Each structure stands twice: as C-alpha cells, then as structure tokens.
C-alpha atoms as a PDB file:
ATOM      1  CA  UNK A   1     -98.629  79.915 -66.128  1.00  0.00           C
ATOM      2  CA  UNK A   2     -96.473  82.720 -66.559  1.00  0.00           C
ATOM      3  CA  UNK A   3     -92.742  82.213 -65.435  1.00  0.00           C
ATOM      4  CA  UNK A   4     -92.543  85.399 -63.749  1.00  0.00           C
ATOM      5  CA  UNK A   5     -95.739  84.185 -61.464  1.00  0.00           C
ATOM      6  CA  UNK A   6     -94.500  84.183 -57.893  1.00  0.00           C
ATOM      7  CA  UNK A   7     -96.446  81.272 -55.518  1.00  0.00           C
ATOM      8  CA  UNK A   8     -95.043  83.262 -52.400  1.00  0.00           C
ATOM      9  CA  UNK A   9     -96.338  86.769 -53.766  1.00  0.00           C
ATOM     10  CA  UNK A  10     -99.994  85.429 -55.349  1.00  0.00           C
ATOM     11  CA  UNK A  11    -100.772  83.590 -51.641  1.00  0.00           C
ATOM     12  CA  UNK A  12     -99.534  86.613 -49.616  1.00  0.00           C
ATOM     13  CA  UNK A  13    -102.050  88.749 -51.892  1.00  0.00           C
ATOM     14  CA  UNK A  14    -104.890  86.827 -50.991  1.00  0.00           C
ATOM     15  CA  UNK A  15    -104.183  87.546 -47.131  1.00  0.00           C
ATOM     16  CA  UNK A  16    -105.377  90.940 -47.518  1.00  0.00           C
ATOM     17  CA  UNK A  17    -106.048  92.464 -43.613  1.00  0.00           C
ATOM     18  CA  UNK A  18    -105.269  89.308 -41.829  1.00  0.00           C
ATOM     19  CA  UNK A  19    -102.049  89.688 -40.267  1.00  0.00           C
ATOM     20  CA  UNK A  20    -101.543  86.548 -38.147  1.00  0.00           C
ATOM     21  CA  UNK A  21    -102.467  84.671 -41.735  1.00  0.00           C
ATOM     22  CA  UNK A  22     -99.814  86.545 -43.324  1.00  0.00           C
ATOM     23  CA  UNK A  23     -97.302  86.700 -40.491  1.00  0.00           C
ATOM     24  CA  UNK A  24     -97.574  82.758 -40.669  1.00  0.00           C
ATOM     25  CA  UNK A  25     -97.097  82.434 -44.575  1.00  0.00           C
ATOM     26  CA  UNK A  26     -94.500  84.370 -44.937  1.00  0.00           C
ATOM     27  CA  UNK A  27     -92.776  81.925 -42.214  1.00  0.00           C
ATOM     28  CA  UNK A  28     -93.398  78.981 -44.704  1.00  0.00           C
ATOM     29  CA  UNK A  29     -92.154  81.486 -47.690  1.00  0.00           C
ATOM     30  CA  UNK A  30     -88.769  81.827 -45.919  1.00  0.00           C
ATOM     31  CA  UNK A  31     -88.437  78.072 -44.648  1.00  0.00           C
ATOM     32  CA  UNK A  32     -89.083  77.117 -48.300  1.00  0.00           C
ATOM     33  CA  UNK A  33     -86.493  79.428 -50.198  1.00  0.00           C
ATOM     34  CA  UNK A  34     -83.717  78.172 -46.939  1.00  0.00           C
ATOM     35  CA  UNK A  35     -81.035  75.880 -48.680  1.00  0.00           C
ATOM     36  CA  UNK A  36     -80.848  72.802 -46.030  1.00  0.00           C
ATOM     37  CA  UNK A  37     -80.971  69.053 -45.969  1.00  0.00           C
ATOM     38  CA  UNK A  38     -84.253  67.563 -47.092  1.00  0.00           C
ATOM     39  CA  UNK A  39     -85.296  65.529 -43.976  1.00  0.00           C
ATOM     40  CA  UNK A  40     -84.646  69.137 -41.717  1.00  0.00           C
ATOM     41  CA  UNK A  41     -86.835  70.893 -44.608  1.00  0.00           C
ATOM     42  CA  UNK A  42     -89.247  68.511 -44.315  1.00  0.00           C
ATOM     43  CA  UNK A  43     -89.089  68.874 -40.148  1.00  0.00           C
ATOM     44  CA  UNK A  44     -89.491  72.585 -40.504  1.00  0.00           C
ATOM     45  CA  UNK A  45     -92.455  72.677 -42.887  1.00  0.00           C
ATOM     46  CA  UNK A  46     -94.118  69.631 -40.915  1.00  0.00           C
ATOM     47  CA  UNK A  47     -95.832  72.173 -38.532  1.00  0.00           C
ATOM     48  CA  UNK A  48     -97.522  73.963 -42.007  1.00  0.00           C
ATOM     49  CA  UNK A  49     -98.522  70.945 -43.516  1.00  0.00           C
ATOM     50  CA  UNK A  50    -100.639  69.491 -40.674  1.00  0.00           C
ATOM     51  CA  UNK A  51    -102.116  72.611 -39.675  1.00  0.00           C
ATOM     52  CA  UNK A  52    -105.591  71.809 -40.683  1.00  0.00           C
ATOM     53  CA  UNK A  53    -106.858  75.490 -41.249  1.00  0.00           C
ATOM     54  CA  UNK A  54    -103.803  77.065 -43.005  1.00  0.00           C
ATOM     55  CA  UNK A  55    -103.333  74.313 -45.529  1.00  0.00           C
ATOM     56  CA  UNK A  56    -107.021  74.625 -46.699  1.00  0.00           C
ATOM     57  CA  UNK A  57    -107.217  78.401 -46.869  1.00  0.00           C
ATOM     58  CA  UNK A  58    -103.765  78.239 -49.313  1.00  0.00           C
ATOM     59  CA  UNK A  59    -104.780  75.214 -51.034  1.00  0.00           C
ATOM     60  CA  UNK A  60    -108.299  76.894 -51.604  1.00  0.00           C
ATOM     61  CA  UNK A  61    -106.622  80.258 -53.077  1.00  0.00           C
ATOM     62  CA  UNK A  62    -104.375  78.232 -54.778  1.00  0.00           C
ATOM     63  CA  UNK A  63    -107.554  76.134 -56.607  1.00  0.00           C
ATOM     64  CA  UNK A  64    -109.056  79.470 -57.405  1.00  0.00           C
ATOM     65  CA  UNK A  65    -106.134  80.011 -60.152  1.00  0.00           C
ATOM     66  CA  UNK A  66    -107.526  79.250 -63.634  1.00  0.00           C
ATOM     67  CA  UNK A  67    -104.026  77.437 -64.500  1.00  0.00           C
ATOM     68  CA  UNK A  68    -101.592  74.991 -62.864  1.00  0.00           C
ATOM     69  CA  UNK A  69     -98.246  75.845 -61.247  1.00  0.00           C
ATOM     70  CA  UNK A  70     -95.161  74.260 -63.371  1.00  0.00           C
ATOM     71  CA  UNK A  71     -91.695  73.661 -63.132  1.00  0.00           C
ATOM     72  CA  UNK A  72     -91.358  77.407 -64.163  1.00  0.00           C
ATOM     73  CA  UNK A  73     -92.153  78.762 -60.962  1.00  0.00           C
ATOM     74  CA  UNK A  74     -89.670  78.942 -58.153  1.00  0.00           C
ATOM     75  CA  UNK A  75     -89.465  76.055 -55.697  1.00  0.00           C
ATOM     76  CA  UNK A  76     -92.023  74.430 -57.651  1.00  0.00           C
ATOM     77  CA  UNK A  77     -91.362  71.060 -56.414  1.00  0.00           C
ATOM     78  CA  UNK A  78     -90.889  72.411 -52.904  1.00  0.00           C
ATOM     79  CA  UNK A  79     -94.485  73.696 -53.523  1.00  0.00           C
ATOM     80  CA  UNK A  80     -95.838  70.928 -54.671  1.00  0.00           C
ATOM     81  CA  UNK A  81     -94.322  68.648 -52.136  1.00  0.00           C
ATOM     82  CA  UNK A  82     -96.269  70.821 -49.403  1.00  0.00           C
ATOM     83  CA  UNK A  83     -99.707  70.110 -51.248  1.00  0.00           C
ATOM     84  CA  UNK A  84     -99.140  66.280 -51.717  1.00  0.00           C
ATOM     85  CA  UNK A  85     -97.863  65.694 -47.845  1.00  0.00           C
ATOM     86  CA  UNK A  86    -101.024  67.529 -46.635  1.00  0.00           C
ATOM     87  CA  UNK A  87    -104.141  65.169 -46.167  1.00  0.00           C
ATOM     88  CA  UNK A  88    -106.148  67.998 -45.859  1.00  0.00           C
ATOM     89  CA  UNK A  89    -109.437  67.641 -48.683  1.00  0.00           C
ATOM     90  CA  UNK A  90    -108.618  70.683 -50.431  1.00  0.00           C
ATOM     91  CA  UNK A  91    -104.990  70.246 -50.773  1.00  0.00           C
ATOM     92  CA  UNK A  92    -105.707  66.791 -52.142  1.00  0.00           C
ATOM     93  CA  UNK A  93    -108.093  68.304 -54.695  1.00  0.00           C
ATOM     94  CA  UNK A  94    -105.487  70.790 -55.626  1.00  0.00           C
ATOM     95  CA  UNK A  95    -102.848  68.181 -56.528  1.00  0.00           C
ATOM     96  CA  UNK A  96    -105.755  66.254 -58.369  1.00  0.00           C
ATOM     97  CA  UNK A  97    -106.238  69.269 -60.212  1.00  0.00           C
ATOM     98  CA  UNK A  98    -102.632  70.128 -61.232  1.00  0.00           C
ATOM     99  CA  UNK A  99    -102.327  66.065 -61.998  1.00  0.00           C
ATOM    100  CA  UNK A 100    -105.097  65.880 -64.356  1.00  0.00           C
ATOM    101  CA  UNK A 101    -103.720  69.395 -65.857  1.00  0.00           C
ATOM    102  CA  UNK A 102    -100.014  67.771 -66.559  1.00  0.00           C
ATOM    103  CA  UNK A 103    -102.036  64.683 -68.307  1.00  0.00           C
ATOM    104  CA  UNK A 104    -104.010  66.749 -70.232  1.00  0.00           C
ATOM    105  CA  UNK A 105    -101.438  68.956 -71.702  1.00  0.00           C
ATOM    106  CA  UNK A 106     -98.229  66.258 -71.360  1.00  0.00           C
ATOM    107  CA  UNK A 107     -96.103  68.448 -69.010  1.00  0.00           C
ATOM    108  CA  UNK A 108     -93.351  65.910 -68.690  1.00  0.00           C
ATOM    109  CA  UNK A 109     -91.203  67.516 -66.263  1.00  0.00           C
ATOM    110  CA  UNK A 110     -94.209  67.920 -64.318  1.00  0.00           C
ATOM    111  CA  UNK A 111     -95.306  65.072 -64.598  1.00  0.00           C
ATOM    112  CA  UNK A 112     -91.899  63.076 -63.539  1.00  0.00           C
ATOM    113  CA  UNK A 113     -91.843  65.438 -60.338  1.00  0.00           C
ATOM    114  CA  UNK A 114     -95.072  64.242 -59.263  1.00  0.00           C
ATOM    115  CA  UNK A 115     -93.948  60.798 -59.731  1.00  0.00           C
ATOM    116  CA  UNK A 116     -90.688  60.956 -57.963  1.00  0.00           C
ATOM    117  CA  UNK A 117     -92.564  62.659 -54.941  1.00  0.00           C
ATOM    118  CA  UNK A 118     -95.252  59.947 -54.869  1.00  0.00           C
ATOM    119  CA  UNK A 119     -92.547  57.362 -54.474  1.00  0.00           C
ATOM    120  CA  UNK A 120     -90.883  59.564 -51.859  1.00  0.00           C
ATOM    121  CA  UNK A 121     -94.066  60.030 -49.761  1.00  0.00           C
ATOM    122  CA  UNK A 122     -96.023  57.123 -50.372  1.00  0.00           C
ATOM    123  CA  UNK A 123     -99.202  58.696 -48.361  1.00  0.00           C
ATOM    124  CA  UNK A 124    -102.697  56.644 -48.774  1.00  0.00           C
ATOM    125  CA  UNK A 125    -104.052  59.858 -49.164  1.00  0.00           C
ATOM    126  CA  UNK A 126    -102.443  60.055 -52.637  1.00  0.00           C
ATOM    127  CA  UNK A 127    -102.940  56.508 -53.894  1.00  0.00           C
ATOM    128  CA  UNK A 128    -105.586  57.881 -56.485  1.00  0.00           C
ATOM    129  CA  UNK A 129    -103.256  60.049 -57.993  1.00  0.00           C
ATOM    130  CA  UNK A 130    -100.306  57.203 -57.779  1.00  0.00           C
ATOM    131  CA  UNK A 131    -102.654  54.886 -59.697  1.00  0.00           C
ATOM    132  CA  UNK A 132    -103.884  57.129 -61.969  1.00  0.00           C
ATOM    133  CA  UNK A 133    -100.182  57.770 -62.635  1.00  0.00           C
ATOM    134  CA  UNK A 134     -99.172  54.117 -63.256  1.00  0.00           C
ATOM    135  CA  UNK A 135    -102.312  54.121 -65.408  1.00  0.00           C
ATOM    136  CA  UNK A 136    -101.496  56.958 -67.454  1.00  0.00           C
ATOM    137  CA  UNK A 137     -97.857  55.444 -67.781  1.00  0.00           C
ATOM    138  CA  UNK A 138     -99.164  52.241 -68.684  1.00  0.00           C
ATOM    139  CA  UNK A 139    -100.900  53.822 -71.727  1.00  0.00           C
ATOM    140  CA  UNK A 140     -98.313  55.643 -73.037  1.00  0.00           C
ATOM    141  CA  UNK A 141     -95.884  52.384 -72.572  1.00  0.00           C
ATOM    142  CA  UNK A 142     -98.364  50.813 -75.383  1.00  0.00           C
ATOM    143  CA  UNK A 143     -98.520  53.921 -77.378  1.00  0.00           C
ATOM    144  CA  UNK A 144     -94.413  54.389 -77.825  1.00  0.00           C
ATOM    145  CA  UNK A 145     -94.556  50.573 -78.775  1.00  0.00           C
ATOM    146  CA  UNK A 146     -93.159  48.889 -75.895  1.00  0.00           C
ATOM    147  CA  UNK A 147     -94.191  45.555 -74.595  1.00  0.00           C
ATOM    148  CA  UNK A 148     -96.863  45.447 -71.803  1.00  0.00           C
ATOM    149  CA  UNK A 149     -95.811  45.084 -68.601  1.00  0.00           C
ATOM    150  CA  UNK A 150     -96.498  41.240 -67.336  1.00  0.00           C
ATOM    151  CA  UNK A 151     -99.449  42.286 -65.196  1.00  0.00           C
ATOM    152  CA  UNK A 152    -101.547  45.456 -63.958  1.00  0.00           C
ATOM    153  CA  UNK A 153    -100.097  47.334 -61.288  1.00  0.00           C
ATOM    154  CA  UNK A 154    -101.343  46.473 -58.144  1.00  0.00           C
ATOM    155  CA  UNK A 155    -104.210  48.840 -57.379  1.00  0.00           C
ATOM    156  CA  UNK A 156    -104.915  49.624 -60.875  1.00  0.00           C
ATOM    157  CA  UNK A 157    -108.628  49.181 -62.364  1.00  0.00           C
ATOM    158  CA  UNK A 158    -108.922  48.591 -65.795  1.00  0.00           C
ATOM    159  CA  UNK A 159    -112.023  50.755 -66.078  1.00  0.00           C
ATOM    160  CA  UNK A 160    -109.685  53.672 -65.420  1.00  0.00           C
ATOM    161  CA  UNK A 161    -110.054  55.915 -68.848  1.00  0.00           C
ATOM    162  CA  UNK A 162    -107.959  58.969 -68.992  1.00  0.00           C
ATOM    163  CA  UNK A 163    -110.303  60.776 -71.868  1.00  0.00           C
ATOM    164  CA  UNK A 164    -108.512  64.229 -71.655  1.00  0.00           C
ATOM    165  CA  UNK A 165    -105.038  62.736 -71.711  1.00  0.00           C
ATOM    166  CA  UNK A 166    -102.280  63.419 -74.411  1.00  0.00           C
ATOM    167  CA  UNK A 167     -98.761  61.655 -74.988  1.00  0.00           C
ATOM    168  CA  UNK A 168     -97.217  63.379 -77.922  1.00  0.00           C
ATOM    169  CA  UNK A 169     -94.357  64.365 -75.646  1.00  0.00           C
ATOM    170  CA  UNK A 170     -93.533  61.033 -74.449  1.00  0.00           C
ATOM    171  CA  UNK A 171     -91.089  59.040 -75.439  1.00  0.00           C
ATOM    172  CA  UNK A 172     -89.276  55.426 -74.130  1.00  0.00           C
ATOM    173  CA  UNK A 173     -87.104  56.990 -72.041  1.00  0.00           C
ATOM    174  CA  UNK A 174     -89.873  58.896 -70.058  1.00  0.00           C
ATOM    175  CA  UNK A 175     -91.848  55.959 -69.792  1.00  0.00           C
ATOM    176  CA  UNK A 176     -88.737  53.942 -68.282  1.00  0.00           C
ATOM    177  CA  UNK A 177     -87.751  57.200 -65.981  1.00  0.00           C
ATOM    178  CA  UNK A 178     -91.476  57.323 -64.953  1.00  0.00           C
ATOM    179  CA  UNK A 179     -91.635  53.801 -64.476  1.00  0.00           C
ATOM    180  CA  UNK A 180     -88.412  53.764 -62.845  1.00  0.00           C
ATOM    181  CA  UNK A 181     -89.802  56.589 -60.308  1.00  0.00           C
ATOM    182  CA  UNK A 182     -93.174  55.380 -59.176  1.00  0.00           C
ATOM    183  CA  UNK A 183     -91.606  51.651 -58.548  1.00  0.00           C
ATOM    184  CA  UNK A 184     -93.755  49.784 -61.041  1.00  0.00           C
ATOM    185  CA  UNK A 185     -90.878  47.132 -62.006  1.00  0.00           C
ATOM    186  CA  UNK A 186     -87.522  46.420 -62.120  1.00  0.00           C
ATOM    187  CA  UNK A 187     -86.454  45.258 -65.367  1.00  0.00           C
ATOM    188  CA  UNK A 188     -86.152  48.224 -67.310  1.00  0.00           C
ATOM    189  CA  UNK A 189     -82.932  47.825 -68.349  1.00  0.00           C
ATOM    190  CA  UNK A 190     -83.501  43.911 -69.675  1.00  0.00           C
ATOM    191  CA  UNK A 191     -86.325  45.482 -71.465  1.00  0.00           C
ATOM    192  CA  UNK A 192     -84.579  48.712 -73.220  1.00  0.00           C
ATOM    193  CA  UNK A 193     -81.578  46.011 -74.445  1.00  0.00           C
ATOM    194  CA  UNK A 194     -83.671  43.925 -75.740  1.00  0.00           C
ATOM    195  CA  UNK A 195     -85.550  46.642 -77.755  1.00  0.00           C
ATOM    196  CA  UNK A 196     -81.779  47.919 -78.499  1.00  0.00           C
ATOM    197  CA  UNK A 197     -80.296  44.488 -79.701  1.00  0.00           C
ATOM    198  CA  UNK A 198     -83.396  42.826 -81.446  1.00  0.00           C
ATOM    199  CA  UNK A 199     -83.138  43.465 -84.975  1.00  0.00           C
ATOM    200  CA  UNK A 200     -79.669  42.207 -85.005  1.00  0.00           C
ATOM    201  CA  UNK A 201     -80.873  38.615 -83.733  1.00  0.00           C
ATOM    202  CA  UNK A 202     -82.464  35.915 -85.620  1.00  0.00           C
ATOM    203  CA  UNK A 203     -82.803  33.380 -82.449  1.00  0.00           C
ATOM    204  CA  UNK A 204     -83.311  33.483 -78.778  1.00  0.00           C
ATOM    205  CA  UNK A 205     -79.533  32.536 -78.419  1.00  0.00           C
ATOM    206  CA  UNK A 206     -78.500  35.487 -80.485  1.00  0.00           C
ATOM    207  CA  UNK A 207     -80.663  37.726 -78.523  1.00  0.00           C
ATOM    208  CA  UNK A 208     -79.620  36.820 -75.385  1.00  0.00           C
ATOM    209  CA  UNK A 209     -75.885  36.827 -76.413  1.00  0.00           C
ATOM    210  CA  UNK A 210     -76.369  40.139 -77.572  1.00  0.00           C
ATOM    211  CA  UNK A 211     -77.959  41.348 -74.710  1.00  0.00           C
ATOM    212  CA  UNK A 212     -75.219  39.955 -72.343  1.00  0.00           C
ATOM    213  CA  UNK A 213     -77.335  37.396 -70.523  1.00  0.00           C
ATOM    214  CA  UNK A 214     -75.246  34.905 -68.626  1.00  0.00           C
ATOM    215  CA  UNK A 215     -77.865  32.018 -68.650  1.00  0.00           C
ATOM    216  CA  UNK A 216     -80.250  31.355 -71.716  1.00  0.00           C
ATOM    217  CA  UNK A 217     -82.573  29.813 -69.623  1.00  0.00           C
ATOM    218  CA  UNK A 218     -82.778  32.880 -66.994  1.00  0.00           C
ATOM    219  CA  UNK A 219     -83.147  35.314 -70.076  1.00  0.00           C
ATOM    220  CA  UNK A 220     -85.948  33.003 -71.616  1.00  0.00           C
ATOM    221  CA  UNK A 221     -87.978  33.146 -68.160  1.00  0.00           C
ATOM    222  CA  UNK A 222     -87.269  36.531 -67.821  1.00  0.00           C
ATOM    223  CA  UNK A 223     -88.226  37.562 -71.650  1.00  0.00           C
ATOM    224  CA  UNK A 224     -91.813  35.255 -71.010  1.00  0.00           C
ATOM    225  CA  UNK A 225     -92.450  37.210 -67.624  1.00  0.00           C
ATOM    226  CA  UNK A 226     -91.827  40.808 -69.329  1.00  0.00           C
ATOM    227  CA  UNK A 227     -93.364  40.106 -72.659  1.00  0.00           C
ATOM    228  CA  UNK A 228     -96.153  37.607 -72.128  1.00  0.00           C
ATOM    229  CA  UNK A 229     -94.773  35.432 -75.053  1.00  0.00           C
ATOM    230  CA  UNK A 230     -91.620  33.193 -75.649  1.00  0.00           C
ATOM    231  CA  UNK A 231     -88.457  34.935 -77.443  1.00  0.00           C
ATOM    232  CA  UNK A 232     -88.864  32.508 -80.416  1.00  0.00           C
ATOM    233  CA  UNK A 233     -92.330  33.693 -81.325  1.00  0.00           C
ATOM    234  CA  UNK A 234     -92.014  37.255 -80.471  1.00  0.00           C
ATOM    235  CA  UNK A 235     -88.307  37.510 -82.712  1.00  0.00           C
ATOM    236  CA  UNK A 236     -90.658  35.697 -85.263  1.00  0.00           C
ATOM    237  CA  UNK A 237     -93.437  38.503 -84.752  1.00  0.00           C
ATOM    238  CA  UNK A 238     -90.848  41.463 -85.002  1.00  0.00           C
ATOM    239  CA  UNK A 239     -89.419  39.382 -88.414  1.00  0.00           C
ATOM    240  CA  UNK A 240     -92.831  39.349 -89.902  1.00  0.00           C
ATOM    241  CA  UNK A 241     -94.316  43.107 -89.643  1.00  0.00           C
ATOM    242  CA  UNK A 242     -90.372  43.975 -90.939  1.00  0.00           C
ATOM    243  CA  UNK A 243     -90.902  41.957 -94.185  1.00  0.00           C
ATOM    244  CA  UNK A 244     -94.296  43.169 -94.257  1.00  0.00           C
ATOM    245  CA  UNK A 245     -93.745  46.704 -93.775  1.00  0.00           C
ATOM    246  CA  UNK A 246     -90.799  46.331 -96.703  1.00  0.00           C
ATOM    247  CA  UNK A 247     -93.026  44.725 -99.297  1.00  0.00           C
ATOM    248  CA  UNK A 248     -96.113  46.871 -98.714  1.00  0.00           C
ATOM    249  CA  UNK A 249     -94.385  50.389 -98.718  1.00  0.00           C
ATOM    250  CA  UNK A 250     -91.317  50.394-100.854  1.00  0.00           C
ATOM    251  CA  UNK A 251     -90.334  48.724-104.323  1.00  0.00           C
ATOM    252  CA  UNK A 252     -87.342  47.241-103.132  1.00  0.00           C
ATOM    253  CA  UNK A 253     -86.299  43.374-105.071  1.00  0.00           C
ATOM    254  CA  UNK A 254     -87.003  40.910-103.128  1.00  0.00           C
ATOM    255  CA  UNK A 255     -84.008  39.701-103.204  1.00  0.00           C
ATOM    256  CA  UNK A 256     -83.016  42.541-101.651  1.00  0.00           C
ATOM    257  CA  UNK A 257     -85.636  42.353 -98.900  1.00  0.00           C
ATOM    258  CA  UNK A 258     -84.482  39.019 -98.408  1.00  0.00           C
ATOM    259  CA  UNK A 259     -81.009  40.262 -97.412  1.00  0.00           C
ATOM    260  CA  UNK A 260     -82.149  42.757 -95.322  1.00  0.00           C
ATOM    261  CA  UNK A 261     -84.386  40.728 -93.524  1.00  0.00           C
ATOM    262  CA  UNK A 262     -81.616  38.201 -92.655  1.00  0.00           C
ATOM    263  CA  UNK A 263     -82.931  35.329 -94.935  1.00  0.00           C
ATOM    264  CA  UNK A 264     -79.768  33.291 -96.948  1.00  0.00           C
ATOM    265  CA  UNK A 265     -82.109  33.761-100.389  1.00  0.00           C
ATOM    266  CA  UNK A 266     -85.648  34.731-101.665  1.00  0.00           C
ATOM    267  CA  UNK A 267     -86.487  31.423-101.154  1.00  0.00           C
ATOM    268  CA  UNK A 268     -86.299  31.322 -97.669  1.00  0.00           C
ATOM    269  CA  UNK A 269     -88.008  34.484 -97.904  1.00  0.00           C
ATOM    270  CA  UNK A 270     -90.836  33.351 -99.594  1.00  0.00           C
ATOM    271  CA  UNK A 271     -91.275  30.286 -97.309  1.00  0.00           C
ATOM    272  CA  UNK A 272     -91.209  32.419 -94.707  1.00  0.00           C
ATOM    273  CA  UNK A 273     -94.222  34.585 -95.981  1.00  0.00           C
ATOM    274  CA  UNK A 274     -96.441  31.567 -96.864  1.00  0.00           C
ATOM    275  CA  UNK A 275     -95.662  30.126 -93.137  1.00  0.00           C
ATOM    276  CA  UNK A 276     -96.370  33.479 -91.195  1.00  0.00           C
ATOM    277  CA  UNK A 277     -98.275  35.983 -93.619  1.00  0.00           C
ATOM    278  CA  UNK A 278    -100.528  33.430 -95.286  1.00  0.00           C
ATOM    279  CA  UNK A 279     -99.244  34.027 -98.908  1.00  0.00           C
ATOM    280  CA  UNK A 280     -96.494  34.858-101.290  1.00  0.00           C
ATOM    281  CA  UNK A 281     -94.435  37.674-101.044  1.00  0.00           C
ATOM    282  CA  UNK A 282     -95.348  39.018-104.870  1.00  0.00           C
ATOM    283  CA  UNK A 283     -98.903  38.211-103.627  1.00  0.00           C
ATOM    284  CA  UNK A 284     -98.666  40.413-100.624  1.00  0.00           C
ATOM    285  CA  UNK A 285     -97.372  43.146-102.312  1.00  0.00           C
ATOM    286  CA  UNK A 286     -99.795  42.852-105.179  1.00  0.00           C
ATOM    287  CA  UNK A 287    -102.548  43.155-102.709  1.00  0.00           C
ATOM    288  CA  UNK A 288    -100.923  45.732-100.517  1.00  0.00           C
ATOM    289  CA  UNK A 289    -104.297  47.464-100.287  1.00  0.00           C
END
C-alpha cells in the first residue's frame, strides 16, 4: 500500500451522500488522531467498535481494497486494533485477510504489531488468528535452526498448513520477539544464552557455567524441557555436525579440524568420528558425495 494512502480519507470517500455515516466516521477519525492515554482512547472508541452496522460497513469498504494496510499508513496500529476489537463478521474477515497478507509477504513489523495486539486484547473471536500466528512462528523457529518448543502451544492443531507463508525476513531475534508478545513461553533468555554459548562448551557443566546457571541440576532439567534431549547428547550432536561440515566442505588438515572442534589430538577426532559418524575422518572426507 502506498505510504500516501490515508485510511480516513479512503473511508470518507465511500460515504457518498450519507451525511450521518460521514459525521460518525469523521468523529472516529478525530478520536483516532487524538493524543490520549491508552485506556482513555479505548473508552472513546468503544461506541464505534461495538456498533454492528457501522463496523460492518467500514470493514466491508476495507475489504474492497486490493492491498493490505501497513505500518506506512498513519495510525496503522490504531485502525488495526479497532478492527481486531470488533467481533463483527466483516471486521474479523478483514483481520484474517490482513494476517494472510502479512504472512505471505513476510511483513515483519506488521506481524509483530498484530502479535502485540493479540496478546493485549485476548478476545475469543481472535483465537483462530492467534493460533495461526503461533503456528507461523513455530515454523519460523524450525527454519531458523532453533530448538522446537517442548510441546505444541495450546490450541494449535498439527494439521494447520500455511501454504502461502514466506519467512525470508524472519530472524531468531524476531521469532523470540513474536513469542514474547504472544506469551508462548517464558524461557527465551535461556534458549538465547545456550545458542550463544554452546560452541565454547564441551560438557553440560561448562555450558551451565557459561550460561550463568546457579544450579547444574536445574540447568539440566530446564534444558531437557526446552530442547527435548539431554545436554550431553545435544552438545555431542552439535559437535558431530561441526566435524562433518569441516570434513565435507574444507580441505583443512585433520589436526587443524581436531583443534577447531576441541579435540586434544587427531586420534581423539578419529575415535569421535567412528563412534558418532560411523567412519574414520579420512573415509568421511573421501565419501563426502
């Protein structure tokens, strides 16, 4: 949507000769533009979003637009909140259309705004929208190489498929922001710290220390819940992935690979490869294709 596009001007242009509708819409636009505390503003716009006929008409006009409104439009979040607060069918249909647009084009700022509003409003008629958003960021988590959550978020069905979704602008930080806004889980700092420190650790104790854990027992328990496997097993898997990548994509001497991966010497690297990768480093490199 063009940044010069005005939601108020567009809606007013649709009122034609309906003076009563035009006056009510102008009143809403003035209310939207006022600088006031959040609770006061919500109280002022309540008469609008609870008006069935009014909301159905303006949401119907918005649904006629070929493109979605975005953060480029003035007072975007206020208008989005208005349509999300209304339980009228036309308003909900418009919100669902907006979400589909943002997911398809990976509109990060708009997606995060919708996540924030979903958490703040917590309205029953928005449950399908919230569930779809949680599923989108759960898929994004996997594509970013992040550990899956210990169990599917409540209300999410595995059968949901976001066939038109794109994730090209999604980063780990954005996934964590979205999950925080949606209230999916509260262990983001733990996950972030593990992903930041694991390359420097060889044991669970070392990783716990690097992450600033006060108790190794609690650290192990939390890790198992969030990563779905014991610390030692996860570290071994990550180490194996590093060794395999260096053997298959570089011509580094085996001694140098051993040093980079934290092995005392080439012999320890060879033993590790036999136990965890099923062959010697030389054979793995030779059979890389």
